[in-house]
PDB file of all heavy atoms in Angstrom:
ATOM      1  N   LYS A   1       0.865  -1.160   0.030  1.00  0.00           N
ATOM      2  CA  LYS A   1       0.006  -0.006  -0.006  1.00  0.00           C
ATOM      3  C   LYS A   1       0.893   1.221   0.027  1.00  0.00           C
ATOM      4  O   LYS A   1       2.064   1.196   0.402  1.00  0.00           O
ATOM      5  CB  LYS A   1      -0.895   0.009   1.221  1.00  0.00           C
ATOM      6  CG  LYS A   1      -1.899  -1.139   1.277  1.00  0.00           C
ATOM      7  CD  LYS A   1      -2.678  -1.049   2.565  1.00  0.00           C
ATOM      8  CE  LYS A   1      -3.582  -2.275   2.698  1.00  0.00           C
ATOM      9  NZ  LYS A   1      -4.188  -2.367   4.031  1.00  0.00           N
ATOM     10  N   GLU A   2       0.370   2.344  -0.396  1.00  0.00           N
ATOM     11  CA  GLU A   2       1.079   3.601  -0.474  1.00  0.00           C
ATOM     12  C   GLU A   2       1.720   3.934   0.891  1.00  0.00           C
ATOM     13  O   GLU A   2       2.853   4.365   0.991  1.00  0.00           O
ATOM     14  CB  GLU A   2       0.174   4.738  -0.905  1.00  0.00           C
ATOM     15  CG  GLU A   2       0.887   6.059  -1.122  1.00  0.00           C
ATOM     16  CD  GLU A   2       1.784   6.074  -2.353  1.00  0.00           C
ATOM     17  OE1 GLU A   2       1.647   5.236  -3.223  1.00  0.00           O
ATOM     18  OE2 GLU A   2       2.640   6.994  -2.394  1.00  0.00           O
ATOM     19  N   GLU A   3       0.929   3.747   1.971  1.00  0.00           N
ATOM     20  CA  GLU A   3       1.431   4.048   3.324  1.00  0.00           C
ATOM     21  C   GLU A   3       2.604   3.165   3.701  1.00  0.00           C
ATOM     22  O   GLU A   3       3.534   3.654   4.330  1.00  0.00           O
ATOM     23  CB  GLU A   3       0.323   3.859   4.376  1.00  0.00           C
ATOM     24  CG  GLU A   3      -0.910   4.786   4.183  1.00  0.00           C
ATOM     25  CD  GLU A   3      -1.866   4.253   3.189  1.00  0.00           C
ATOM     26  OE1 GLU A   3      -1.928   3.011   2.895  1.00  0.00           O
ATOM     27  OE2 GLU A   3      -2.605   5.093   2.613  1.00  0.00           O
ATOM     28  N   GLU A   4       2.543   1.911   3.309  1.00  0.00           N
ATOM     29  CA  GLU A   4       3.661   1.012   3.610  1.00  0.00           C
ATOM     30  C   GLU A   4       4.898   1.388   2.831  1.00  0.00           C
ATOM     31  O   GLU A   4       6.054   1.377   3.338  1.00  0.00           O
ATOM     32  CB  GLU A   4       3.279  -0.467   3.200  1.00  0.00           C
ATOM     33  CG  GLU A   4       2.165  -1.031   4.040  1.00  0.00           C
ATOM     34  CD  GLU A   4       1.635  -2.350   3.491  1.00  0.00           C
ATOM     35  OE1 GLU A   4       1.396  -2.422   2.227  1.00  0.00           O
ATOM     36  OE2 GLU A   4       1.478  -3.293   4.293  1.00  0.00           O
ATOM     37  N   ARG A   5       4.723   1.768   1.596  1.00  0.00           N
ATOM     38  CA  ARG A   5       5.877   2.172   0.751  1.00  0.00           C
ATOM     39  C   ARG A   5       6.464   3.427   1.333  1.00  0.00           C
ATOM     40  O   ARG A   5       7.719   3.569   1.430  1.00  0.00           O
ATOM     41  CB  ARG A   5       5.405   2.458  -0.686  1.00  0.00           C
ATOM     42  CG  ARG A   5       4.915   1.235  -1.397  1.00  0.00           C
ATOM     43  CD  ARG A   5       4.270   1.543  -2.757  1.00  0.00           C
ATOM     44  NE  ARG A   5       5.287   2.135  -3.598  1.00  0.00           N
ATOM     45  CZ  ARG A   5       5.067   3.230  -4.387  1.00  0.00           C
ATOM     46  NH1 ARG A   5       3.872   3.789  -4.423  1.00  0.00           N
ATOM     47  NH2 ARG A   5       6.014   3.727  -5.133  1.00  0.00           N
ATOM     48  N   GLU A   6       5.663   4.361   1.822  1.00  0.00           N
ATOM     49  CA  GLU A   6       6.178   5.633   2.394  1.00  0.00           C
ATOM     50  C   GLU A   6       6.944   5.326   3.697  1.00  0.00           C
ATOM     51  O   GLU A   6       8.043   5.864   3.902  1.00  0.00           O
ATOM     52  CB  GLU A   6       5.058   6.622   2.659  1.00  0.00           C
ATOM     53  CG  GLU A   6       5.552   7.916   3.248  1.00  0.00           C
ATOM     54  CD  GLU A   6       4.409   8.933   3.435  1.00  0.00           C
ATOM     55  OE1 GLU A   6       3.290   8.756   2.914  1.00  0.00           O
ATOM     56  OE2 GLU A   6       4.714   9.964   4.083  1.00  0.00           O
ATOM     57  N   GLU A   7       6.423   4.463   4.542  1.00  0.00           N
ATOM     58  CA  GLU A   7       7.125   4.126   5.803  1.00  0.00           C
ATOM     59  C   GLU A   7       8.480   3.463   5.503  1.00  0.00           C
ATOM     60  O   GLU A   7       9.463   3.758   6.183  1.00  0.00           O
ATOM     61  CB  GLU A   7       6.275   3.223   6.682  1.00  0.00           C
ATOM     62  CG  GLU A   7       5.140   4.000   7.329  1.00  0.00           C
ATOM     63  CD  GLU A   7       5.563   5.223   8.103  1.00  0.00           C
ATOM     64  OE1 GLU A   7       6.536   5.084   8.956  1.00  0.00           O
ATOM     65  OE2 GLU A   7       4.987   6.314   7.907  1.00  0.00           O
ATOM     66  N   LEU A   8       8.499   2.557   4.568  1.00  0.00           N
ATOM     67  CA  LEU A   8       9.755   1.905   4.165  1.00  0.00           C
ATOM     68  C   LEU A   8      10.776   2.925   3.664  1.00  0.00           C
ATOM     69  O   LEU A   8      11.954   2.876   3.962  1.00  0.00           O
ATOM     70  CB  LEU A   8       9.529   0.820   3.117  1.00  0.00           C
ATOM     71  CG  LEU A   8       8.834  -0.435   3.619  1.00  0.00           C
ATOM     72  CD1 LEU A   8       8.428  -1.299   2.471  1.00  0.00           C
ATOM     73  CD2 LEU A   8       9.720  -1.172   4.592  1.00  0.00           C
ATOM     74  N   ALA A   9      10.297   3.855   2.839  1.00  0.00           N
ATOM     75  CA  ALA A   9      11.190   4.889   2.296  1.00  0.00           C
ATOM     76  C   ALA A   9      11.727   5.807   3.399  1.00  0.00           C
ATOM     77  O   ALA A   9      12.940   6.103   3.386  1.00  0.00           O
ATOM     78  CB  ALA A   9      10.428   5.721   1.279  1.00  0.00           C
ATOM     79  N   LYS A  10      10.928   6.143   4.352  1.00  0.00           N
ATOM     80  CA  LYS A  10      11.369   6.999   5.484  1.00  0.00           C
ATOM     81  C   LYS A  10      12.445   6.262   6.264  1.00  0.00           C
ATOM     82  O   LYS A  10      13.491   6.885   6.617  1.00  0.00           O
ATOM     83  CB  LYS A  10      10.199   7.352   6.385  1.00  0.00           C
ATOM     84  CG  LYS A  10       9.248   8.309   5.752  1.00  0.00           C
ATOM     85  CD  LYS A  10       8.031   8.384   6.635  1.00  0.00           C
ATOM     86  CE  LYS A  10       7.226   9.604   6.548  1.00  0.00           C
ATOM     87  NZ  LYS A  10       6.117   9.596   7.511  1.00  0.00           N
ATOM     88  N   GLU A  11      12.231   4.990   6.530  1.00  0.00           N
ATOM     89  CA  GLU A  11      13.234   4.169   7.286  1.00  0.00           C
ATOM     90  C   GLU A  11      14.544   4.151   6.540  1.00  0.00           C
ATOM     91  O   GLU A  11      15.609   4.270   7.146  1.00  0.00           O
ATOM     92  CB  GLU A  11      12.672   2.769   7.517  1.00  0.00           C
ATOM     93  CG  GLU A  11      11.541   2.671   8.461  1.00  0.00           C
ATOM     94  CD  GLU A  11      10.941   1.255   8.523  1.00  0.00           C
ATOM     95  OE1 GLU A  11      11.594   0.294   8.051  1.00  0.00           O
ATOM     96  OE2 GLU A  11       9.795   1.171   9.061  1.00  0.00           O
ATOM     97  N   GLU A  12      14.468   3.928   5.248  1.00  0.00           N
ATOM     98  CA  GLU A  12      15.677   3.865   4.443  1.00  0.00           C
ATOM     99  C   GLU A  12      16.394   5.194   4.400  1.00  0.00           C
ATOM    100  O   GLU A  12      17.654   5.255   4.512  1.00  0.00           O
ATOM    101  CB  GLU A  12      15.347   3.417   2.977  1.00  0.00           C
ATOM    102  CG  GLU A  12      14.965   1.976   2.897  1.00  0.00           C
ATOM    103  CD  GLU A  12      16.094   1.034   3.281  1.00  0.00           C
ATOM    104  OE1 GLU A  12      17.236   1.282   2.876  1.00  0.00           O
ATOM    105  OE2 GLU A  12      15.855   0.077   3.994  1.00  0.00           O
ATOM    106  N   LEU A  13      15.659   6.321   4.245  1.00  0.00           N
ATOM    107  CA  LEU A  13      16.288   7.629   4.211  1.00  0.00           C
ATOM    108  C   LEU A  13      16.969   7.913   5.563  1.00  0.00           C
ATOM    109  O   LEU A  13      18.115   8.388   5.603  1.00  0.00           O
ATOM    110  CB  LEU A  13      15.255   8.719   3.884  1.00  0.00           C
ATOM    111  CG  LEU A  13      15.775  10.154   3.865  1.00  0.00           C
ATOM    112  CD1 LEU A  13      16.958  10.310   2.873  1.00  0.00           C
ATOM    113  CD2 LEU A  13      14.668  11.117   3.582  1.00  0.00           C
ATOM    114  N   LEU A  14      16.321   7.603   6.690  1.00  0.00           N
ATOM    115  CA  LEU A  14      16.922   7.850   7.997  1.00  0.00           C
ATOM    116  C   LEU A  14      18.161   6.948   8.209  1.00  0.00           C
ATOM    117  O   LEU A  14      19.050   7.344   9.000  1.00  0.00           O
ATOM    118  CB  LEU A  14      15.903   7.594   9.097  1.00  0.00           C
ATOM    119  CG  LEU A  14      14.808   8.611   9.208  1.00  0.00           C
ATOM    120  CD1 LEU A  14      13.757   8.194  10.239  1.00  0.00           C
ATOM    121  CD2 LEU A  14      15.380   9.980   9.559  1.00  0.00           C
ATOM    122  N   SER A  15      18.283   5.842   7.532  1.00  0.00           N
ATOM    123  CA  SER A  15      19.399   4.953   7.714  1.00  0.00           C
ATOM    124  C   SER A  15      20.496   5.217   6.655  1.00  0.00           C
ATOM    125  O   SER A  15      21.572   4.589   6.697  1.00  0.00           O
ATOM    126  CB  SER A  15      18.954   3.483   7.565  1.00  0.00           C
ATOM    127  OG  SER A  15      18.032   3.181   8.583  1.00  0.00           O
ATOM    128  N   ASP A  16      20.199   6.042   5.697  1.00  0.00           N
ATOM    129  CA  ASP A  16      21.113   6.257   4.567  1.00  0.00           C
ATOM    130  C   ASP A  16      22.436   6.896   5.011  1.00  0.00           C
ATOM    131  O   ASP A  16      22.462   7.846   5.792  1.00  0.00           O
ATOM    132  CB  ASP A  16      20.464   7.189   3.541  1.00  0.00           C
ATOM    133  CG  ASP A  16      21.398   7.553   2.420  1.00  0.00           C
ATOM    134  OD1 ASP A  16      21.744   6.640   1.635  1.00  0.00           O
ATOM    135  OD2 ASP A  16      21.818   8.700   2.356  1.00  0.00           O
ATOM    136  N   ASN A  17      23.505   6.391   4.465  1.00  0.00           N
ATOM    137  CA  ASN A  17      24.838   6.956   4.687  1.00  0.00           C
ATOM    138  C   ASN A  17      25.539   7.341   3.375  1.00  0.00           C
ATOM    139  O   ASN A  17      26.746   7.594   3.360  1.00  0.00           O
ATOM    140  CB  ASN A  17      25.744   5.961   5.434  1.00  0.00           C
ATOM    141  CG  ASN A  17      25.310   5.847   6.894  1.00  0.00           C
ATOM    142  OD1 ASN A  17      25.094   6.851   7.581  1.00  0.00           O
ATOM    143  ND2 ASN A  17      25.173   4.626   7.325  1.00  0.00           N
ATOM    144  N   SER A  18      24.810   7.378   2.289  1.00  0.00           N
ATOM    145  CA  SER A  18      25.404   7.651   0.965  1.00  0.00           C
ATOM    146  C   SER A  18      25.247   9.107   0.551  1.00  0.00           C
ATOM    147  O   SER A  18      25.668   9.426  -0.553  1.00  0.00           O
ATOM    148  CB  SER A  18      24.788   6.709  -0.094  1.00  0.00           C
ATOM    149  OG  SER A  18      23.425   7.065  -0.292  1.00  0.00           O
ATOM    150  N   GLY A  19      24.641   9.958   1.364  1.00  0.00           N
ATOM    151  CA  GLY A  19      24.541  11.363   1.060  1.00  0.00           C
ATOM    152  C   GLY A  19      23.077  11.836   0.932  1.00  0.00           C
ATOM    153  O   GLY A  19      22.852  13.050   0.956  1.00  0.00           O
ATOM    154  N   TRP A  20      22.166  10.946   0.735  1.00  0.00           N
ATOM    155  CA  TRP A  20      20.752  11.359   0.532  1.00  0.00           C
ATOM    156  C   TRP A  20      20.208  12.032   1.788  1.00  0.00           C
ATOM    157  O   TRP A  20      19.525  13.035   1.679  1.00  0.00           O
ATOM    158  CB  TRP A  20      19.904  10.176   0.112  1.00  0.00           C
ATOM    159  CG  TRP A  20      20.106   9.792  -1.299  1.00  0.00           C
ATOM    160  CD1 TRP A  20      21.045   8.879  -1.774  1.00  0.00           C
ATOM    161  CD2 TRP A  20      19.455  10.331  -2.455  1.00  0.00           C
ATOM    162  NE1 TRP A  20      20.938   8.820  -3.158  1.00  0.00           N
ATOM    163  CE2 TRP A  20      20.012   9.681  -3.587  1.00  0.00           C
ATOM    164  CE3 TRP A  20      18.479  11.272  -2.652  1.00  0.00           C
ATOM    165  CZ2 TRP A  20      19.542   9.988  -4.881  1.00  0.00           C
ATOM    166  CZ3 TRP A  20      18.055  11.561  -3.907  1.00  0.00           C
ATOM    167  CH2 TRP A  20      18.597  10.904  -5.037  1.00  0.00           C
ATOM    168  N   PHE A  21      20.466  11.448   2.986  1.00  0.00           N
ATOM    169  CA  PHE A  21      19.960  12.087   4.204  1.00  0.00           C
ATOM    170  C   PHE A  21      20.606  13.426   4.407  1.00  0.00           C
ATOM    171  O   PHE A  21      19.966  14.394   4.790  1.00  0.00           O
ATOM    172  CB  PHE A  21      20.196  11.193   5.404  1.00  0.00           C
ATOM    173  CG  PHE A  21      19.652  11.787   6.661  1.00  0.00           C
ATOM    174  CD1 PHE A  21      18.237  11.797   6.891  1.00  0.00           C
ATOM    175  CD2 PHE A  21      20.453  12.390   7.603  1.00  0.00           C
ATOM    176  CE1 PHE A  21      17.735  12.393   8.065  1.00  0.00           C
ATOM    177  CE2 PHE A  21      19.916  12.956   8.768  1.00  0.00           C
ATOM    178  CZ  PHE A  21      18.591  12.951   8.971  1.00  0.00           C
ATOM    179  N   SER A  22      21.917  13.544   4.193  1.00  0.00           N
ATOM    180  CA  SER A  22      22.589  14.805   4.273  1.00  0.00           C
ATOM    181  C   SER A  22      21.986  15.855   3.357  1.00  0.00           C
ATOM    182  O   SER A  22      21.789  17.014   3.779  1.00  0.00           O
ATOM    183  CB  SER A  22      24.079  14.630   3.918  1.00  0.00           C
ATOM    184  OG  SER A  22      24.771  15.835   3.993  1.00  0.00           O
ATOM    185  N   GLU A  23      21.639  15.455   2.157  1.00  0.00           N
ATOM    186  CA  GLU A  23      21.025  16.400   1.204  1.00  0.00           C
ATOM    187  C   GLU A  23      19.621  16.809   1.742  1.00  0.00           C
ATOM    188  O   GLU A  23      19.200  17.913   1.614  1.00  0.00           O
ATOM    189  CB  GLU A  23      20.852  15.728  -0.168  1.00  0.00           C
ATOM    190  CG  GLU A  23      22.165  15.602  -0.903  1.00  0.00           C
ATOM    191  CD  GLU A  23      22.791  16.959  -1.288  1.00  0.00           C
ATOM    192  OE1 GLU A  23      22.024  17.866  -1.656  1.00  0.00           O
ATOM    193  OE2 GLU A  23      24.032  17.073  -1.220  1.00  0.00           O
ATOM    194  N   PHE A  24      18.920  15.837   2.343  1.00  0.00           N
ATOM    195  CA  PHE A  24      17.577  16.135   2.869  1.00  0.00           C
ATOM    196  C   PHE A  24      17.677  17.226   3.949  1.00  0.00           C
ATOM    197  O   PHE A  24      16.873  18.198   3.904  1.00  0.00           O
ATOM    198  CB  PHE A  24      16.940  14.852   3.468  1.00  0.00           C
ATOM    199  CG  PHE A  24      15.678  15.081   4.236  1.00  0.00           C
ATOM    200  CD1 PHE A  24      14.475  15.395   3.524  1.00  0.00           C
ATOM    201  CD2 PHE A  24      15.662  15.024   5.584  1.00  0.00           C
ATOM    202  CE1 PHE A  24      13.306  15.623   4.243  1.00  0.00           C
ATOM    203  CE2 PHE A  24      14.460  15.261   6.309  1.00  0.00           C
ATOM    204  CZ  PHE A  24      13.291  15.538   5.639  1.00  0.00           C
ATOM    205  N   VAL A  25      18.586  17.077   4.887  1.00  0.00           N
ATOM    206  CA  VAL A  25      18.696  18.041   5.998  1.00  0.00           C
ATOM    207  C   VAL A  25      19.275  19.411   5.532  1.00  0.00           C
ATOM    208  O   VAL A  25      19.148  20.412   6.226  1.00  0.00           O
ATOM    209  CB  VAL A  25      19.390  17.539   7.257  1.00  0.00           C
ATOM    210  CG1 VAL A  25      18.648  16.338   7.854  1.00  0.00           C
ATOM    211  CG2 VAL A  25      20.858  17.265   6.942  1.00  0.00           C
ATOM    212  N   HIS A  26      19.890  19.402   4.373  1.00  0.00           N
ATOM    213  CA  HIS A  26      20.443  20.690   3.822  1.00  0.00           C
ATOM    214  C   HIS A  26      19.573  21.248   2.730  1.00  0.00           C
ATOM    215  O   HIS A  26      19.954  22.252   2.121  1.00  0.00           O
ATOM    216  CB  HIS A  26      21.860  20.473   3.390  1.00  0.00           C
ATOM    217  CG  HIS A  26      22.792  20.212   4.532  1.00  0.00           C
ATOM    218  ND1 HIS A  26      23.201  18.977   4.929  1.00  0.00           N
ATOM    219  CD2 HIS A  26      23.408  21.076   5.401  1.00  0.00           C
ATOM    220  CE1 HIS A  26      23.928  19.038   5.973  1.00  0.00           C
ATOM    221  NE2 HIS A  26      24.085  20.294   6.269  1.00  0.00           N
ATOM    222  N   ASP A  27      18.449  20.648   2.451  1.00  0.00           N
ATOM    223  CA  ASP A  27      17.550  21.099   1.455  1.00  0.00           C
ATOM    224  C   ASP A  27      16.974  22.497   1.895  1.00  0.00           C
ATOM    225  O   ASP A  27      16.808  22.756   3.082  1.00  0.00           O
ATOM    226  CB  ASP A  27      16.399  20.088   1.281  1.00  0.00           C
ATOM    227  CG  ASP A  27      15.497  20.460   0.117  1.00  0.00           C
ATOM    228  OD1 ASP A  27      15.948  20.397  -1.080  1.00  0.00           O
ATOM    229  OD2 ASP A  27      14.319  20.856   0.337  1.00  0.00           O
ATOM    230  N   ASP A  28      16.658  23.311   0.956  1.00  0.00           N
ATOM    231  CA  ASP A  28      16.093  24.635   1.241  1.00  0.00           C
ATOM    232  C   ASP A  28      14.881  24.611   2.187  1.00  0.00           C
ATOM    233  O   ASP A  28      14.701  25.528   2.960  1.00  0.00           O
ATOM    234  CB  ASP A  28      15.674  25.361  -0.061  1.00  0.00           C
ATOM    235  CG  ASP A  28      16.899  25.773  -0.893  1.00  0.00           C
ATOM    236  OD1 ASP A  28      18.022  25.816  -0.350  1.00  0.00           O
ATOM    237  OD2 ASP A  28      16.710  26.089  -2.101  1.00  0.00           O
ATOM    238  N   ALA A  29      14.091  23.567   2.149  1.00  0.00           N
ATOM    239  CA  ALA A  29      12.872  23.495   2.919  1.00  0.00           C
ATOM    240  C   ALA A  29      13.173  23.473   4.412  1.00  0.00           C
ATOM    241  O   ALA A  29      12.291  23.946   5.180  1.00  0.00           O
ATOM    242  CB  ALA A  29      12.061  22.239   2.521  1.00  0.00           C
TER     243      ALA A  29
END
């Protein structure tokens, strides 16, 4: 389901060490 996909994606982003999380926290938003 969409909600399951979103939760998995959030977990992966929070665990990421390849630069994606760093980009997220430095995003203009």
